Full PDB file with SEQRES, HELIX, SHEET, SSBOND, CRYST1, ORIGX, SCALE, CONECT and MASTER records, all heavy atoms in Angstrom:
SEQRES   1 A   30  ASP GLU ALA VAL LYS GLN VAL PHE ASP SER GLY ARG GLU          
SEQRES   2 A   30  GLU VAL LEU ARG GLY ASP LEU ARG LEU ARG LYS ALA LEU          
SEQRES   3 A   30  ASP ARG VAL SER                                              
HELIX    1 AA1 GLU A    2  SER A   10  1                                   9    
HELIX    2 AA2 GLU A   13  VAL A   29  1                                  17    
CRYST1    1.000    1.000    1.000  90.00  90.00  90.00 P 1           1          
ORIGX1      1.000000  0.000000  0.000000        0.00000                         
ORIGX2      0.000000  1.000000  0.000000        0.00000                         
ORIGX3      0.000000  0.000000  1.000000        0.00000                         
SCALE1      1.000000  0.000000  0.000000        0.00000                         
SCALE2      0.000000  1.000000  0.000000        0.00000                         
SCALE3      0.000000  0.000000  1.000000        0.00000                         
ATOM      1  N   ASP A   1     144.405 109.693  59.238  1.00  0.00           N  
ATOM      2  CA  ASP A   1     145.446 109.585  58.215  1.00  0.00           C  
ATOM      3  C   ASP A   1     146.824 109.903  58.783  1.00  0.00           C  
ATOM      4  O   ASP A   1     147.813 109.221  58.493  1.00  0.00           O  
ATOM      5  CB  ASP A   1     145.135 110.530  57.044  1.00  0.00           C  
ATOM      6  CG  ASP A   1     143.901 110.098  56.267  1.00  0.00           C  
ATOM      7  OD1 ASP A   1     143.608 108.883  56.250  1.00  0.00           O  
ATOM      8  OD2 ASP A   1     143.226 110.969  55.690  1.00  0.00           O  
ATOM      9  N   GLU A   2     146.887 110.947  59.606  1.00  0.00           N  
ATOM     10  CA  GLU A   2     148.152 111.334  60.206  1.00  0.00           C  
ATOM     11  C   GLU A   2     148.625 110.271  61.193  1.00  0.00           C  
ATOM     12  O   GLU A   2     149.820 109.974  61.284  1.00  0.00           O  
ATOM     13  CB  GLU A   2     148.010 112.675  60.922  1.00  0.00           C  
ATOM     14  CG  GLU A   2     149.288 113.186  61.568  1.00  0.00           C  
ATOM     15  CD  GLU A   2     150.394 113.444  60.577  1.00  0.00           C  
ATOM     16  OE1 GLU A   2     150.077 113.699  59.381  1.00  0.00           O  
ATOM     17  OE2 GLU A   2     151.580 113.387  60.967  1.00  0.00           O  
ATOM     18  N   ALA A   3     147.685 109.676  61.913  1.00  0.00           N  
ATOM     19  CA  ALA A   3     148.034 108.625  62.875  1.00  0.00           C  
ATOM     20  C   ALA A   3     148.619 107.413  62.158  1.00  0.00           C  
ATOM     21  O   ALA A   3     149.620 106.838  62.598  1.00  0.00           O  
ATOM     22  CB  ALA A   3     146.808 108.218  63.686  1.00  0.00           C  
ATOM     23  N   VAL A   4     148.015 107.021  61.050  1.00  0.00           N  
ATOM     24  CA  VAL A   4     148.523 105.888  60.263  1.00  0.00           C  
ATOM     25  C   VAL A   4     149.926 106.186  59.763  1.00  0.00           C  
ATOM     26  O   VAL A   4     150.835 105.344  59.843  1.00  0.00           O  
ATOM     27  CB  VAL A   4     147.580 105.583  59.081  1.00  0.00           C  
ATOM     28  CG1 VAL A   4     148.226 104.577  58.132  1.00  0.00           C  
ATOM     29  CG2 VAL A   4     146.246 105.046  59.591  1.00  0.00           C  
ATOM     30  N   LYS A   5     150.130 107.376  59.239  1.00  0.00           N  
ATOM     31  CA  LYS A   5     151.433 107.758  58.705  1.00  0.00           C  
ATOM     32  C   LYS A   5     152.500 107.726  59.797  1.00  0.00           C  
ATOM     33  O   LYS A   5     153.608 107.219  59.587  1.00  0.00           O  
ATOM     34  CB  LYS A   5     151.351 109.161  58.086  1.00  0.00           C  
ATOM     35  CG  LYS A   5     152.653 109.630  57.432  1.00  0.00           C  
ATOM     36  CD  LYS A   5     152.478 110.987  56.783  1.00  0.00           C  
ATOM     37  CE  LYS A   5     153.728 111.411  56.026  1.00  0.00           C  
ATOM     38  NZ  LYS A   5     154.935 111.442  56.888  1.00  0.00           N  
ATOM     39  N   GLN A   6     152.181 108.257  60.976  1.00  0.00           N  
ATOM     40  CA  GLN A   6     153.153 108.305  62.069  1.00  0.00           C  
ATOM     41  C   GLN A   6     153.558 106.895  62.517  1.00  0.00           C  
ATOM     42  O   GLN A   6     154.741 106.637  62.765  1.00  0.00           O  
ATOM     43  CB  GLN A   6     152.570 109.082  63.251  1.00  0.00           C  
ATOM     44  CG  GLN A   6     152.457 110.572  63.013  1.00  0.00           C  
ATOM     45  CD  GLN A   6     151.878 111.303  64.213  1.00  0.00           C  
ATOM     46  OE1 GLN A   6     151.515 110.682  65.215  1.00  0.00           O  
ATOM     47  NE2 GLN A   6     151.783 112.625  64.128  1.00  0.00           N  
ATOM     48  N   VAL A   7     152.585 106.023  62.608  1.00  0.00           N  
ATOM     49  CA  VAL A   7     152.874 104.655  63.064  1.00  0.00           C  
ATOM     50  C   VAL A   7     153.761 103.923  62.072  1.00  0.00           C  
ATOM     51  O   VAL A   7     154.767 103.302  62.438  1.00  0.00           O  
ATOM     52  CB  VAL A   7     151.567 103.867  63.299  1.00  0.00           C  
ATOM     53  CG1 VAL A   7     151.877 102.382  63.530  1.00  0.00           C  
ATOM     54  CG2 VAL A   7     150.819 104.426  64.492  1.00  0.00           C  
ATOM     55  N   PHE A   8     153.424 104.006  60.796  1.00  0.00           N  
ATOM     56  CA  PHE A   8     154.200 103.271  59.786  1.00  0.00           C  
ATOM     57  C   PHE A   8     155.560 103.918  59.546  1.00  0.00           C  
ATOM     58  O   PHE A   8     156.543 103.212  59.273  1.00  0.00           O  
ATOM     59  CB  PHE A   8     153.407 103.176  58.481  1.00  0.00           C  
ATOM     60  CG  PHE A   8     152.411 102.053  58.465  1.00  0.00           C  
ATOM     61  CD1 PHE A   8     151.156 102.213  59.021  1.00  0.00           C  
ATOM     62  CD2 PHE A   8     152.745 100.821  57.924  1.00  0.00           C  
ATOM     63  CE1 PHE A   8     150.237 101.187  59.021  1.00  0.00           C  
ATOM     64  CE2 PHE A   8     151.831  99.775  57.918  1.00  0.00           C  
ATOM     65  CZ  PHE A   8     150.569  99.954  58.478  1.00  0.00           C  
ATOM     66  N   ASP A   9     155.639 105.236  59.643  1.00  0.00           N  
ATOM     67  CA  ASP A   9     156.928 105.908  59.461  1.00  0.00           C  
ATOM     68  C   ASP A   9     157.892 105.559  60.590  1.00  0.00           C  
ATOM     69  O   ASP A   9     159.113 105.500  60.388  1.00  0.00           O  
ATOM     70  CB  ASP A   9     156.741 107.425  59.401  1.00  0.00           C  
ATOM     71  CG  ASP A   9     156.141 107.893  58.082  1.00  0.00           C  
ATOM     72  OD1 ASP A   9     156.061 107.057  57.158  1.00  0.00           O  
ATOM     73  OD2 ASP A   9     155.732 109.071  58.000  1.00  0.00           O  
ATOM     74  N   SER A  10     157.368 105.333  61.791  1.00  0.00           N  
ATOM     75  CA  SER A  10     158.217 105.029  62.942  1.00  0.00           C  
ATOM     76  C   SER A  10     158.497 103.537  63.102  1.00  0.00           C  
ATOM     77  O   SER A  10     159.290 103.135  63.947  1.00  0.00           O  
ATOM     78  CB  SER A  10     157.555 105.559  64.220  1.00  0.00           C  
ATOM     79  OG  SER A  10     156.331 104.882  64.466  1.00  0.00           O  
ATOM     80  N   GLY A  11     157.843 102.702  62.292  1.00  0.00           N  
ATOM     81  CA  GLY A  11     158.056 101.260  62.378  1.00  0.00           C  
ATOM     82  C   GLY A  11     157.271 100.585  63.492  1.00  0.00           C  
ATOM     83  O   GLY A  11     157.473  99.394  63.765  1.00  0.00           O  
ATOM     84  N   ARG A  12     156.369 101.316  64.127  1.00  0.00           N  
ATOM     85  CA  ARG A  12     155.613 100.736  65.238  1.00  0.00           C  
ATOM     86  C   ARG A  12     154.507  99.802  64.777  1.00  0.00           C  
ATOM     87  O   ARG A  12     153.844  99.178  65.595  1.00  0.00           O  
ATOM     88  CB  ARG A  12     155.014 101.851  66.093  1.00  0.00           C  
ATOM     89  CG  ARG A  12     156.036 102.611  66.932  1.00  0.00           C  
ATOM     90  CD  ARG A  12     155.350 103.700  67.728  1.00  0.00           C  
ATOM     91  NE  ARG A  12     154.858 104.756  66.859  1.00  0.00           N  
ATOM     92  CZ  ARG A  12     153.918 105.638  67.216  1.00  0.00           C  
ATOM     93  NH1 ARG A  12     153.372 105.562  68.401  1.00  0.00           N  
ATOM     94  NH2 ARG A  12     153.535 106.582  66.367  1.00  0.00           N  
ATOM     95  N   GLU A  13     154.302  99.700  63.471  1.00  0.00           N  
ATOM     96  CA  GLU A  13     153.236  98.823  62.988  1.00  0.00           C  
ATOM     97  C   GLU A  13     153.497  97.359  63.312  1.00  0.00           C  
ATOM     98  O   GLU A  13     152.562  96.557  63.438  1.00  0.00           O  
ATOM     99  CB  GLU A  13     153.031  99.001  61.474  1.00  0.00           C  
ATOM    100  CG  GLU A  13     154.067  98.334  60.585  1.00  0.00           C  
ATOM    101  CD  GLU A  13     155.319  99.182  60.421  1.00  0.00           C  
ATOM    102  OE1 GLU A  13     155.406 100.244  61.056  1.00  0.00           O  
ATOM    103  OE2 GLU A  13     156.195  98.777  59.632  1.00  0.00           O  
ATOM    104  N   GLU A  14     154.791  96.985  63.470  1.00  0.00           N  
ATOM    105  CA  GLU A  14     155.106  95.590  63.762  1.00  0.00           C  
ATOM    106  C   GLU A  14     154.650  95.207  65.171  1.00  0.00           C  
ATOM    107  O   GLU A  14     154.281  94.055  65.419  1.00  0.00           O  
ATOM    108  CB  GLU A  14     156.601  95.348  63.599  1.00  0.00           C  
ATOM    109  CG  GLU A  14     157.090  95.455  62.162  1.00  0.00           C  
ATOM    110  CD  GLU A  14     156.277  94.579  61.210  1.00  0.00           C  
ATOM    111  OE1 GLU A  14     155.962  93.430  61.587  1.00  0.00           O  
ATOM    112  OE2 GLU A  14     155.946  95.057  60.113  1.00  0.00           O  
ATOM    113  N   VAL A  15     154.675  96.166  66.086  1.00  0.00           N  
ATOM    114  CA  VAL A  15     154.159  95.893  67.435  1.00  0.00           C  
ATOM    115  C   VAL A  15     152.666  95.621  67.357  1.00  0.00           C  
ATOM    116  O   VAL A  15     152.156  94.663  67.962  1.00  0.00           O  
ATOM    117  CB  VAL A  15     154.437  97.082  68.372  1.00  0.00           C  
ATOM    118  CG1 VAL A  15     153.791  96.843  69.743  1.00  0.00           C  
ATOM    119  CG2 VAL A  15     155.931  97.295  68.527  1.00  0.00           C  
ATOM    120  N   LEU A  16     151.951  96.442  66.601  1.00  0.00           N  
ATOM    121  CA  LEU A  16     150.515  96.237  66.439  1.00  0.00           C  
ATOM    122  C   LEU A  16     150.224  94.951  65.683  1.00  0.00           C  
ATOM    123  O   LEU A  16     149.240  94.263  65.969  1.00  0.00           O  
ATOM    124  CB  LEU A  16     149.899  97.424  65.698  1.00  0.00           C  
ATOM    125  CG  LEU A  16     149.938  98.770  66.425  1.00  0.00           C  
ATOM    126  CD1 LEU A  16     149.324  99.864  65.568  1.00  0.00           C  
ATOM    127  CD2 LEU A  16     149.214  98.672  67.759  1.00  0.00           C  
ATOM    128  N   ARG A  17     151.082  94.609  64.729  1.00  0.00           N  
ATOM    129  CA  ARG A  17     150.894  93.360  63.977  1.00  0.00           C  
ATOM    130  C   ARG A  17     150.959  92.165  64.926  1.00  0.00           C  
ATOM    131  O   ARG A  17     150.161  91.236  64.843  1.00  0.00           O  
ATOM    132  CB  ARG A  17     151.944  93.234  62.877  1.00  0.00           C  
ATOM    133  CG  ARG A  17     151.595  92.148  61.838  1.00  0.00           C  
ATOM    134  CD  ARG A  17     152.744  91.938  60.859  1.00  0.00           C  
ATOM    135  NE  ARG A  17     153.205  93.174  60.271  1.00  0.00           N  
ATOM    136  CZ  ARG A  17     152.628  93.753  59.217  1.00  0.00           C  
ATOM    137  NH1 ARG A  17     151.556  93.193  58.676  1.00  0.00           N  
ATOM    138  NH2 ARG A  17     153.107  94.880  58.724  1.00  0.00           N  
ATOM    139  N   GLY A  18     151.930  92.218  65.841  1.00  0.00           N  
ATOM    140  CA  GLY A  18     152.055  91.127  66.802  1.00  0.00           C  
ATOM    141  C   GLY A  18     150.855  91.053  67.732  1.00  0.00           C  
ATOM    142  O   GLY A  18     150.359  89.966  68.048  1.00  0.00           O  
ATOM    143  N   ASP A  19     150.371  92.225  68.181  1.00  0.00           N  
ATOM    144  CA  ASP A  19     149.202  92.243  69.056  1.00  0.00           C  
ATOM    145  C   ASP A  19     147.972  91.682  68.348  1.00  0.00           C  
ATOM    146  O   ASP A  19     147.209  90.895  68.928  1.00  0.00           O  
ATOM    147  CB  ASP A  19     148.912  93.672  69.518  1.00  0.00           C  
ATOM    148  CG  ASP A  19     149.971  94.198  70.476  1.00  0.00           C  
ATOM    149  OD1 ASP A  19     150.723  93.370  71.040  1.00  0.00           O  
ATOM    150  OD2 ASP A  19     150.050  95.431  70.660  1.00  0.00           O  
ATOM    151  N   LEU A  20     147.765  92.090  67.105  1.00  0.00           N  
ATOM    152  CA  LEU A  20     146.607  91.608  66.358  1.00  0.00           C  
ATOM    153  C   LEU A  20     146.712  90.111  66.067  1.00  0.00           C  
ATOM    154  O   LEU A  20     145.701  89.401  66.055  1.00  0.00           O  
ATOM    155  CB  LEU A  20     146.468  92.384  65.051  1.00  0.00           C  
ATOM    156  CG  LEU A  20     145.955  93.822  65.180  1.00  0.00           C  
ATOM    157  CD1 LEU A  20     146.017  94.534  63.839  1.00  0.00           C  
ATOM    158  CD2 LEU A  20     144.527  93.835  65.710  1.00  0.00           C  
ATOM    159  N   ARG A  21     147.920  89.634  65.861  1.00  0.00           N  
ATOM    160  CA  ARG A  21     148.120  88.204  65.604  1.00  0.00           C  
ATOM    161  C   ARG A  21     147.736  87.389  66.840  1.00  0.00           C  
ATOM    162  O   ARG A  21     147.077  86.356  66.736  1.00  0.00           O  
ATOM    163  CB  ARG A  21     149.577  87.947  65.226  1.00  0.00           C  
ATOM    164  CG  ARG A  21     149.854  86.540  64.694  1.00  0.00           C  
ATOM    165  CD  ARG A  21     151.219  86.504  64.040  1.00  0.00           C  
ATOM    166  NE  ARG A  21     151.505  85.193  63.483  1.00  0.00           N  
ATOM    167  CZ  ARG A  21     152.221  84.256  64.092  1.00  0.00           C  
ATOM    168  NH1 ARG A  21     152.738  84.505  65.296  1.00  0.00           N  
ATOM    169  NH2 ARG A  21     152.444  83.100  63.517  1.00  0.00           N  
ATOM    170  N   LEU A  22     148.131  87.865  68.028  1.00  0.00           N  
ATOM    171  CA  LEU A  22     147.750  87.182  69.261  1.00  0.00           C  
ATOM    172  C   LEU A  22     146.246  87.264  69.478  1.00  0.00           C  
ATOM    173  O   LEU A  22     145.625  86.322  69.983  1.00  0.00           O  
ATOM    174  CB  LEU A  22     148.485  87.792  70.452  1.00  0.00           C  
ATOM    175  CG  LEU A  22     150.003  87.591  70.509  1.00  0.00           C  
ATOM    176  CD1 LEU A  22     150.561  88.164  71.804  1.00  0.00           C  
ATOM    177  CD2 LEU A  22     150.368  86.118  70.381  1.00  0.00           C  
ATOM    178  N   ARG A  23     145.651  88.401  69.109  1.00  0.00           N  
ATOM    179  CA  ARG A  23     144.204  88.541  69.257  1.00  0.00           C  
ATOM    180  C   ARG A  23     143.478  87.537  68.356  1.00  0.00           C  
ATOM    181  O   ARG A  23     142.474  86.945  68.762  1.00  0.00           O  
ATOM    182  CB  ARG A  23     143.768  89.962  68.899  1.00  0.00           C  
ATOM    183  CG  ARG A  23     142.283  90.225  69.143  1.00  0.00           C  
ATOM    184  CD  ARG A  23     141.869  91.586  68.656  1.00  0.00           C  
ATOM    185  NE  ARG A  23     142.580  92.660  69.322  1.00  0.00           N  
ATOM    186  CZ  ARG A  23     142.374  93.951  69.054  1.00  0.00           C  
ATOM    187  NH1 ARG A  23     141.487  94.303  68.130  1.00  0.00           N  
ATOM    188  NH2 ARG A  23     143.065  94.874  69.702  1.00  0.00           N  
ATOM    189  N   LYS A  24     143.998  87.346  67.142  1.00  0.00           N  
ATOM    190  CA  LYS A  24     143.398  86.352  66.250  1.00  0.00           C  
ATOM    191  C   LYS A  24     143.496  84.945  66.840  1.00  0.00           C  
ATOM    192  O   LYS A  24     142.560  84.153  66.756  1.00  0.00           O  
ATOM    193  CB  LYS A  24     144.090  86.381  64.878  1.00  0.00           C  
ATOM    194  CG  LYS A  24     143.666  87.522  63.980  1.00  0.00           C  
ATOM    195  CD  LYS A  24     144.270  87.341  62.597  1.00  0.00           C  
ATOM    196  CE  LYS A  24     143.766  88.387  61.629  1.00  0.00           C  
ATOM    197  NZ  LYS A  24     144.272  88.183  60.258  1.00  0.00           N  
ATOM    198  N   ALA A  25     144.646  84.658  67.428  1.00  0.00           N  
ATOM    199  CA  ALA A  25     144.830  83.350  68.047  1.00  0.00           C  
ATOM    200  C   ALA A  25     143.847  83.172  69.204  1.00  0.00           C  
ATOM    201  O   ALA A  25     143.253  82.098  69.376  1.00  0.00           O  
ATOM    202  CB  ALA A  25     146.265  83.191  68.542  1.00  0.00           C  
ATOM    203  N   LEU A  26     143.668  84.224  70.012  1.00  0.00           N  
ATOM    204  CA  LEU A  26     142.731  84.160  71.124  1.00  0.00           C  
ATOM    205  C   LEU A  26     141.304  83.998  70.614  1.00  0.00           C  
ATOM    206  O   LEU A  26     140.497  83.277  71.222  1.00  0.00           O  
ATOM    207  CB  LEU A  26     142.851  85.420  71.984  1.00  0.00           C  
ATOM    208  CG  LEU A  26     141.910  85.513  73.190  1.00  0.00           C  
ATOM    209  CD1 LEU A  26     142.075  84.295  74.094  1.00  0.00           C  
ATOM    210  CD2 LEU A  26     142.188  86.786  73.973  1.00  0.00           C  
ATOM    211  N   ASP A  27     140.988  84.635  69.493  1.00  0.00           N  
ATOM    212  CA  ASP A  27     139.665  84.471  68.893  1.00  0.00           C  
ATOM    213  C   ASP A  27     139.411  83.001  68.544  1.00  0.00           C  
ATOM    214  O   ASP A  27     138.325  82.465  68.800  1.00  0.00           O  
ATOM    215  CB  ASP A  27     139.546  85.319  67.623  1.00  0.00           C  
ATOM    216  CG  ASP A  27     139.475  86.812  67.923  1.00  0.00           C  
ATOM    217  OD1 ASP A  27     139.165  87.162  69.076  1.00  0.00           O  
ATOM    218  OD2 ASP A  27     139.725  87.607  67.008  1.00  0.00           O  
ATOM    219  N   ARG A  28     140.417  82.340  67.988  1.00  0.00           N  
ATOM    220  CA  ARG A  28     140.272  80.934  67.613  1.00  0.00           C  
ATOM    221  C   ARG A  28     140.137  80.045  68.838  1.00  0.00           C  
ATOM    222  O   ARG A  28     139.312  79.129  68.890  1.00  0.00           O  
ATOM    223  CB  ARG A  28     141.468  80.482  66.771  1.00  0.00           C  
ATOM    224  CG  ARG A  28     141.477  81.020  65.356  1.00  0.00           C  
ATOM    225  CD  ARG A  28     140.299  80.476  64.555  1.00  0.00           C  
ATOM    226  NE  ARG A  28     140.319  79.027  64.486  1.00  0.00           N  
ATOM    227  CZ  ARG A  28     140.938  78.327  63.531  1.00  0.00           C  
ATOM    228  NH1 ARG A  28     141.595  78.975  62.573  1.00  0.00           N  
ATOM    229  NH2 ARG A  28     140.881  77.016  63.522  1.00  0.00           N  
ATOM    230  N   VAL A  29     140.945  80.331  69.862  1.00  0.00           N  
ATOM    231  CA  VAL A  29     140.895  79.525  71.085  1.00  0.00           C  
ATOM    232  C   VAL A  29     139.535  79.656  71.753  1.00  0.00           C  
ATOM    233  O   VAL A  29     138.907  78.664  72.128  1.00  0.00           O  
ATOM    234  CB  VAL A  29     142.006  79.960  72.067  1.00  0.00           C  
ATOM    235  CG1 VAL A  29     141.793  79.318  73.433  1.00  0.00           C  
ATOM    236  CG2 VAL A  29     143.371  79.571  71.515  1.00  0.00           C  
ATOM    237  N   SER A  30     139.044  80.896  71.899  1.00  0.00           N  
ATOM    238  CA  SER A  30     137.765  81.107  72.569  1.00  0.00           C  
ATOM    239  C   SER A  30     136.605  80.572  71.736  1.00  0.00           C  
ATOM    240  O   SER A  30     135.598  80.119  72.284  1.00  0.00           O  
ATOM    241  CB  SER A  30     137.558  82.594  72.872  1.00  0.00           C  
ATOM    242  OG  SER A  30     137.592  83.367  71.689  1.00  0.00           O  
TER     243      SER A  30                                                      
MASTER        0    0    0    2    0    0    0    6  242    1    0    3          
END                                                                             
């Protein structure tokens, strides 16, 4: 819970969003 709060409070969730989006694309390609 604290980890989630820290990430979203600092705005770092957008970096993870981009990483997960690329992972989804790689899932489709593979």
